[in-house]
Protein backbone atom coordinates (compact mmCIF):
# COMPACT_ATOMS: atom_id res chain seq x y z
CA MET A 1 -46.46 13.82 15.13
CA ASP A 2 -45.70 15.36 11.74
CA ARG A 3 -42.90 17.47 13.21
CA LEU A 4 -41.45 14.45 15.02
CA PHE A 5 -41.52 12.41 11.81
CA ILE A 6 -39.74 15.17 9.90
CA LEU A 7 -37.09 15.46 12.64
CA LEU A 8 -36.45 11.71 12.66
CA LEU A 9 -36.23 11.66 8.88
CA ALA A 10 -33.70 14.49 8.93
CA ILE A 11 -31.57 12.72 11.55
CA SER A 12 -31.70 9.48 9.57
CA THR A 13 -30.69 11.24 6.34
CA PHE A 14 -27.81 13.04 8.06
CA ALA A 15 -26.57 9.79 9.61
CA SER A 16 -26.60 7.99 6.26
CA ILE A 17 -24.60 10.79 4.66
CA GLU A 18 -22.07 10.74 7.48
CA ALA A 19 -21.66 6.97 7.14
CA ALA A 20 -20.96 7.08 3.40
CA PRO A 21 -17.34 6.45 2.32
CA ILE A 22 -15.46 9.63 1.51
CA SER A 23 -13.28 9.82 -1.60
CA SER A 24 -9.63 10.39 -0.84
CA LYS A 25 -6.88 12.44 -2.43
CA LEU A 26 -4.31 9.82 -1.51
CA PHE A 27 -1.58 8.99 -4.02
CA ARG A 28 1.03 6.32 -3.24
CA GLU A 29 4.06 5.11 -5.17
CA TYR A 30 6.56 2.31 -4.59
CA ILE A 31 10.17 3.36 -5.08
CA GLY A 32 13.69 1.95 -4.87
CA ALA A 33 13.29 -1.74 -5.76
CA GLU A 34 15.26 -1.70 -9.00
CA ASP A 35 18.32 0.27 -7.90
CA ASN A 36 18.27 2.42 -11.04
CA GLY A 37 19.11 5.69 -9.31
CA VAL A 38 15.60 7.12 -9.04
CA LYS A 39 15.33 9.85 -6.39
CA PHE A 40 12.40 11.27 -4.45
CA SER A 41 13.03 14.61 -6.11
CA ASP A 42 12.60 13.07 -9.59
CA VAL A 43 8.92 12.38 -8.97
CA PRO A 44 6.41 15.20 -9.60
CA ILE A 45 4.40 15.95 -6.45
CA ASP A 46 1.07 17.74 -6.68
CA PRO A 47 0.54 19.84 -3.52
CA ARG A 48 -3.22 19.17 -3.65
CA VAL A 49 -2.89 15.44 -2.82
CA GLU A 50 -1.60 13.42 0.10
CA PHE A 51 1.52 11.75 -1.27
CA HIS A 52 3.07 8.56 0.13
CA PHE A 53 6.40 7.20 -1.07
CA ILE A 54 6.78 3.49 -0.22
CA LEU A 55 10.39 2.30 0.01
CA SER A 56 10.79 -1.15 -1.53
CA PHE A 57 11.74 -3.34 0.25
CA ALA A 58 12.71 -4.16 3.83
CA ILE A 59 13.27 -7.93 3.94
CA ASP A 60 14.01 -10.29 6.82
CA TYR A 61 16.83 -12.08 5.01
CA THR A 62 20.51 -12.23 5.97
CA SER A 63 22.07 -10.66 2.85
CA TYR A 64 21.45 -10.01 -0.82
CA SER A 65 24.32 -12.17 -2.07
CA HIS A 66 23.50 -15.18 0.17
CA PRO A 67 19.83 -14.72 1.07
CA VAL A 68 18.56 -16.80 3.99
CA PRO A 69 15.41 -16.05 6.03
CA SER A 70 16.31 -14.33 9.32
CA ASN A 71 13.07 -14.71 11.31
CA GLY A 72 11.95 -11.09 11.50
CA ASN A 73 15.34 -9.36 11.44
CA PHE A 74 14.60 -6.81 8.73
CA GLN A 75 17.15 -4.90 6.69
CA ALA A 76 16.77 -2.19 4.05
CA TYR A 77 17.15 -3.62 0.53
CA TRP A 78 16.00 -0.56 -1.40
CA ASP A 79 18.42 1.87 -3.05
CA THR A 80 19.82 3.23 0.21
CA ARG A 81 22.36 5.42 -1.57
CA ASN A 82 19.75 7.62 -3.28
CA LEU A 83 16.89 6.98 -0.85
CA SER A 84 18.81 7.64 2.35
CA PRO A 85 17.63 8.98 5.72
CA SER A 86 18.77 12.47 4.72
CA ALA A 87 16.90 12.19 1.42
CA VAL A 88 13.73 11.24 3.32
CA GLU A 89 14.13 14.26 5.60
CA ALA A 90 14.75 16.54 2.63
CA ILE A 91 11.68 15.52 0.60
CA LYS A 92 9.39 15.74 3.63
CA SER A 93 10.79 19.16 4.49
CA ARG A 94 10.33 20.39 0.91
CA HIS A 95 6.80 19.02 0.53
CA ARG A 96 4.51 19.20 3.54
CA ASN A 97 2.03 16.78 1.91
CA VAL A 98 4.61 13.96 1.62
CA LYS A 99 4.90 10.98 3.95
CA VAL A 100 7.27 8.05 3.55
CA ALA A 101 6.67 4.39 4.39
CA MET A 102 8.55 1.16 3.77
CA SER A 103 7.18 -2.10 2.39
CA LEU A 104 8.02 -5.44 3.98
CA GLY A 105 8.71 -8.59 2.01
CA GLY A 106 8.23 -8.07 -1.70
CA ASP A 107 8.34 -10.71 -4.40
CA SER A 108 12.01 -11.69 -4.45
CA ILE A 109 15.58 -11.17 -3.32
CA ASN A 110 18.45 -11.84 -5.72
CA ASN A 111 15.95 -13.49 -8.11
CA GLU A 112 14.77 -15.93 -5.43
CA PRO A 113 11.29 -15.78 -3.80
CA ALA A 114 11.24 -13.78 -0.56
CA TYR A 115 9.36 -16.09 1.80
CA PHE A 116 7.49 -15.33 4.96
CA LYS A 117 9.13 -18.03 7.11
CA PRO A 118 8.88 -17.49 10.88
CA LYS A 119 10.39 -19.91 13.39
CA SER A 120 7.60 -19.07 15.82
CA VAL A 121 5.10 -16.25 16.30
CA ASN A 122 6.79 -14.94 19.46
CA SER A 123 10.36 -14.96 18.14
CA TRP A 124 9.40 -13.43 14.77
CA VAL A 125 7.32 -10.68 16.36
CA THR A 126 10.02 -9.86 18.91
CA ASN A 127 12.69 -9.56 16.20
CA ALA A 128 10.41 -7.68 13.81
CA ILE A 129 9.37 -5.09 16.40
CA ARG A 130 12.99 -4.38 17.24
CA SER A 131 14.36 -4.28 13.69
CA ILE A 132 11.46 -2.34 12.15
CA THR A 133 11.40 0.20 14.97
CA GLY A 134 15.09 0.79 14.26
CA LEU A 135 14.51 1.28 10.53
CA VAL A 136 11.51 3.58 11.08
CA LYS A 137 13.52 5.81 13.38
CA LYS A 138 16.66 5.76 11.22
CA TYR A 139 14.79 6.66 8.03
CA HIS A 140 12.23 9.04 9.61
CA LEU A 141 9.33 6.93 8.32
CA ASP A 142 5.60 7.40 8.87
CA GLY A 143 4.21 3.96 8.10
CA ILE A 144 4.73 0.44 6.82
CA ASP A 145 3.22 -1.67 4.06
CA ILE A 146 2.98 -5.48 4.05
CA ASP A 147 3.79 -7.06 0.68
CA TYR A 148 4.71 -10.69 1.35
CA GLU A 149 3.82 -12.77 -1.71
CA HIS A 150 5.34 -16.18 -0.86
CA PHE A 151 4.64 -18.16 2.30
CA LYS A 152 6.15 -20.98 4.32
CA GLY A 153 3.70 -20.53 7.14
CA ASP A 154 -0.04 -21.01 7.49
CA PRO A 155 -2.54 -18.11 7.25
CA GLU A 156 -3.20 -17.95 11.01
CA THR A 157 0.52 -17.69 11.78
CA PHE A 158 0.84 -14.91 9.20
CA ALA A 159 -2.15 -13.13 10.71
CA GLU A 160 -0.73 -13.29 14.23
CA CYS A 161 2.80 -12.27 13.27
CA ILE A 162 1.79 -9.31 11.11
CA GLY A 163 -1.19 -8.35 13.26
CA GLN A 164 0.77 -8.28 16.51
CA LEU A 165 3.54 -6.31 14.80
CA LEU A 166 1.16 -3.64 13.45
CA LEU A 167 -0.73 -3.43 16.74
CA ASP A 168 2.48 -2.86 18.71
CA LEU A 169 3.88 -0.26 16.31
CA LYS A 170 0.62 1.68 16.34
CA GLN A 171 0.07 1.49 20.07
CA ARG A 172 3.58 2.82 20.69
CA LYS A 173 3.05 5.47 17.98
CA ILE A 174 6.08 4.24 16.02
CA ILE A 175 3.98 4.42 12.83
CA LYS A 176 1.00 6.56 11.85
CA PHE A 177 -0.49 4.23 9.23
CA ALA A 178 -0.26 0.70 7.86
CA SER A 179 -1.25 -0.94 4.59
CA ILE A 180 -1.34 -4.39 3.02
CA ALA A 181 -0.71 -5.30 -0.63
CA PRO A 182 -2.59 -8.49 -1.60
CA TYR A 183 -3.57 -9.64 -5.07
CA GLU A 184 -5.97 -12.15 -6.60
CA ASP A 185 -4.20 -15.43 -5.93
CA SER A 186 -5.88 -18.00 -3.72
CA LYS A 187 -2.89 -18.64 -1.45
CA VAL A 188 -2.03 -14.96 -1.17
CA GLN A 189 -5.64 -14.03 -0.44
CA GLU A 190 -6.15 -16.66 2.25
CA HIS A 191 -3.18 -15.25 4.18
CA TYR A 192 -4.25 -11.61 3.88
CA LEU A 193 -7.91 -12.31 4.57
CA ALA A 194 -6.96 -14.19 7.74
CA LEU A 195 -5.01 -11.08 8.77
CA TRP A 196 -7.90 -8.78 7.81
CA ARG A 197 -10.49 -10.75 9.75
CA LYS A 198 -8.58 -10.46 13.02
CA TYR A 199 -6.54 -7.27 12.66
CA GLY A 200 -8.32 -5.23 9.99
CA HIS A 201 -8.92 -2.47 12.54
CA VAL A 202 -5.19 -1.57 12.54
CA ILE A 203 -4.87 -1.54 8.72
CA ASP A 204 -5.53 1.82 7.07
CA TYR A 205 -5.21 1.04 3.36
CA VAL A 206 -5.47 -2.00 1.08
CA ASN A 207 -3.01 -1.61 -1.81
CA LEU A 208 -4.77 -4.15 -4.02
CA GLN A 209 -2.41 -5.16 -6.84
CA PHE A 210 -4.93 -4.87 -9.67
CA TYR A 211 -1.99 -5.01 -12.11
CA ALA A 212 -1.78 -8.73 -11.31
CA LEU A 213 -4.95 -9.19 -13.39
CA GLY A 214 -4.70 -10.22 -17.05
CA LYS A 215 -3.40 -7.80 -19.64
CA GLY A 216 -6.74 -7.80 -21.43
CA THR A 217 -8.54 -6.26 -18.44
CA THR A 218 -11.31 -3.87 -19.51
CA VAL A 219 -12.98 -1.05 -17.57
CA PRO A 220 -16.09 -3.15 -16.70
CA LEU A 221 -13.89 -6.08 -15.63
CA PHE A 222 -11.71 -3.81 -13.51
CA LEU A 223 -14.77 -2.36 -11.79
CA GLN A 224 -16.10 -5.87 -11.21
CA HIS A 225 -12.84 -6.90 -9.51
CA PHE A 226 -12.83 -3.66 -7.52
CA ARG A 227 -16.32 -4.45 -6.16
CA LYS A 228 -15.27 -8.02 -5.36
CA GLN A 229 -12.16 -6.96 -3.44
CA SER A 230 -14.02 -4.18 -1.64
CA ALA A 231 -16.40 -6.87 -0.41
CA ASN A 232 -13.50 -9.14 0.61
CA TYR A 233 -11.89 -6.33 2.60
CA LYS A 234 -15.19 -4.94 3.82
CA GLY A 235 -14.85 -1.57 5.49
CA GLY A 236 -11.31 -1.10 4.18
CA LYS A 237 -9.98 1.62 1.93
CA VAL A 238 -9.19 -0.37 -1.22
CA LEU A 239 -6.97 1.66 -3.56
CA ALA A 240 -6.96 1.44 -7.35
CA SER A 241 -3.61 0.66 -8.96
CA PHE A 242 -1.63 0.39 -12.16
CA ALA A 243 1.92 -0.59 -13.10
CA THR A 244 4.38 1.17 -15.40
CA ASP A 245 6.88 -1.66 -15.86
CA GLY A 246 5.47 -2.76 -19.23
CA GLU A 247 5.25 -6.36 -18.02
CA SER A 248 2.42 -6.40 -15.52
CA GLY A 249 -1.23 -6.79 -16.48
CA GLY A 250 -4.38 -5.13 -15.22
CA LEU A 251 -6.06 -2.06 -16.64
CA SER A 252 -3.40 0.02 -18.35
CA PRO A 253 -3.18 3.79 -17.80
CA LYS A 254 -3.13 3.96 -21.62
CA LYS A 255 -6.40 2.03 -21.96
CA GLY A 256 -9.08 3.03 -19.52
CA PHE A 257 -7.57 3.14 -16.03
CA PHE A 258 -8.34 6.80 -15.54
CA SER A 259 -11.85 6.37 -16.95
CA ALA A 260 -12.46 3.62 -14.38
CA CYS A 261 -11.09 5.79 -11.58
CA ASP A 262 -13.28 8.69 -12.63
CA LYS A 263 -16.30 6.38 -12.41
CA LEU A 264 -15.22 5.31 -8.91
CA ARG A 265 -14.68 8.95 -7.95
CA ARG A 266 -18.18 9.91 -9.07
CA MET A 267 -19.59 6.97 -7.09
CA ASN A 268 -17.65 8.20 -4.03
CA LYS A 269 -15.63 4.96 -3.92
CA LEU A 270 -12.18 6.13 -4.97
CA HIS A 271 -10.06 5.96 -1.82
CA GLY A 272 -6.83 6.68 -3.65
CA ILE A 273 -4.41 5.44 -6.33
CA PHE A 274 -1.06 3.73 -6.09
CA VAL A 275 1.58 2.94 -8.70
CA TRP A 276 4.20 0.27 -9.21
CA SER A 277 6.72 1.89 -9.56
CA ALA A 278 8.71 5.12 -9.68
CA ASP A 279 11.75 3.17 -10.88
CA ASP A 280 9.89 2.17 -14.07
CA SER A 281 8.11 5.50 -14.53
CA LYS A 282 11.33 7.50 -14.63
CA LYS A 283 11.97 6.73 -18.30
CA ALA A 284 8.57 8.16 -19.28
CA ASN A 285 9.04 11.24 -17.08
CA PHE A 286 6.22 10.19 -14.71
CA LYS A 287 3.45 11.28 -17.08
CA TYR A 288 0.89 8.91 -15.58
CA GLU A 289 1.73 9.95 -12.04
CA VAL A 290 0.97 13.53 -13.02
CA LYS A 291 -2.37 12.48 -14.56
CA ALA A 292 -3.33 10.37 -11.54
CA GLN A 293 -2.66 13.18 -9.10
CA LYS A 294 -4.68 15.63 -11.18
CA LEU A 295 -7.62 13.25 -11.09
CA LEU A 296 -7.32 12.78 -7.33
CA ALA A 297 -7.11 16.52 -6.77
CA LYS A 298 -10.71 16.72 -8.00
CA ALA A 299 -11.87 14.30 -5.29
CA ARG A 300 -14.07 15.64 -2.52
């Protein structure tokens, strides 16, 4: 009986260790939204981390000069001159740890809100599958990110449109990974949580925009919000984040962000870090990107 008890205890202990979340060396950065000439090659890349560039943004609007929702017909609205298909191929060839994704939606187009506005689930999904598949193949992309922030559609419609899109792209192996980018706003959260409840199994990362919090955010407050969002997106890999635009809030990389991440790392809860954005970081020579990657390189 004693031997059986010891065996069962060992199995139980092993199972609990295996089930624990594993810290990740994932670093992600949005790039291309501000058309300021930033290039992939400008950004320092630590070979010890998994590095994702996220092109910003693909938007289902007709044109930049006269933007009208186009019901899932996505076009590239990032800096396509410097972040071209050949540039994607070149950076991935030069750095084996680099993958490139594109983000859908974003905050605005030509200073107007970029709305999620489908005519119907079926028509939006059909158009989105076609147009996004084309962009993924043209730009040699590995994944997509969902960053709609304004909605003219209910949460269930959003969940079905985005969920069916991600499911199709993954099943056909068009993309290798998918992420969502919510933040703490009641309307935004109700849309993304509806998506998570039904299609969370096809979402790999949650790019939680912690820089949408107030500018006075402290380390304890950041950790409190991190726990809250980890509970909201239970089972998901919630990433820590900061912004370098000088306008956003949250926990600044100057004032405690890395201390908070080190605490998460030691608790085995740091799934990765992402930054908004390379366009803004260029002027400071990406010093915080370098620091973030060094921290992640220490992760298990």
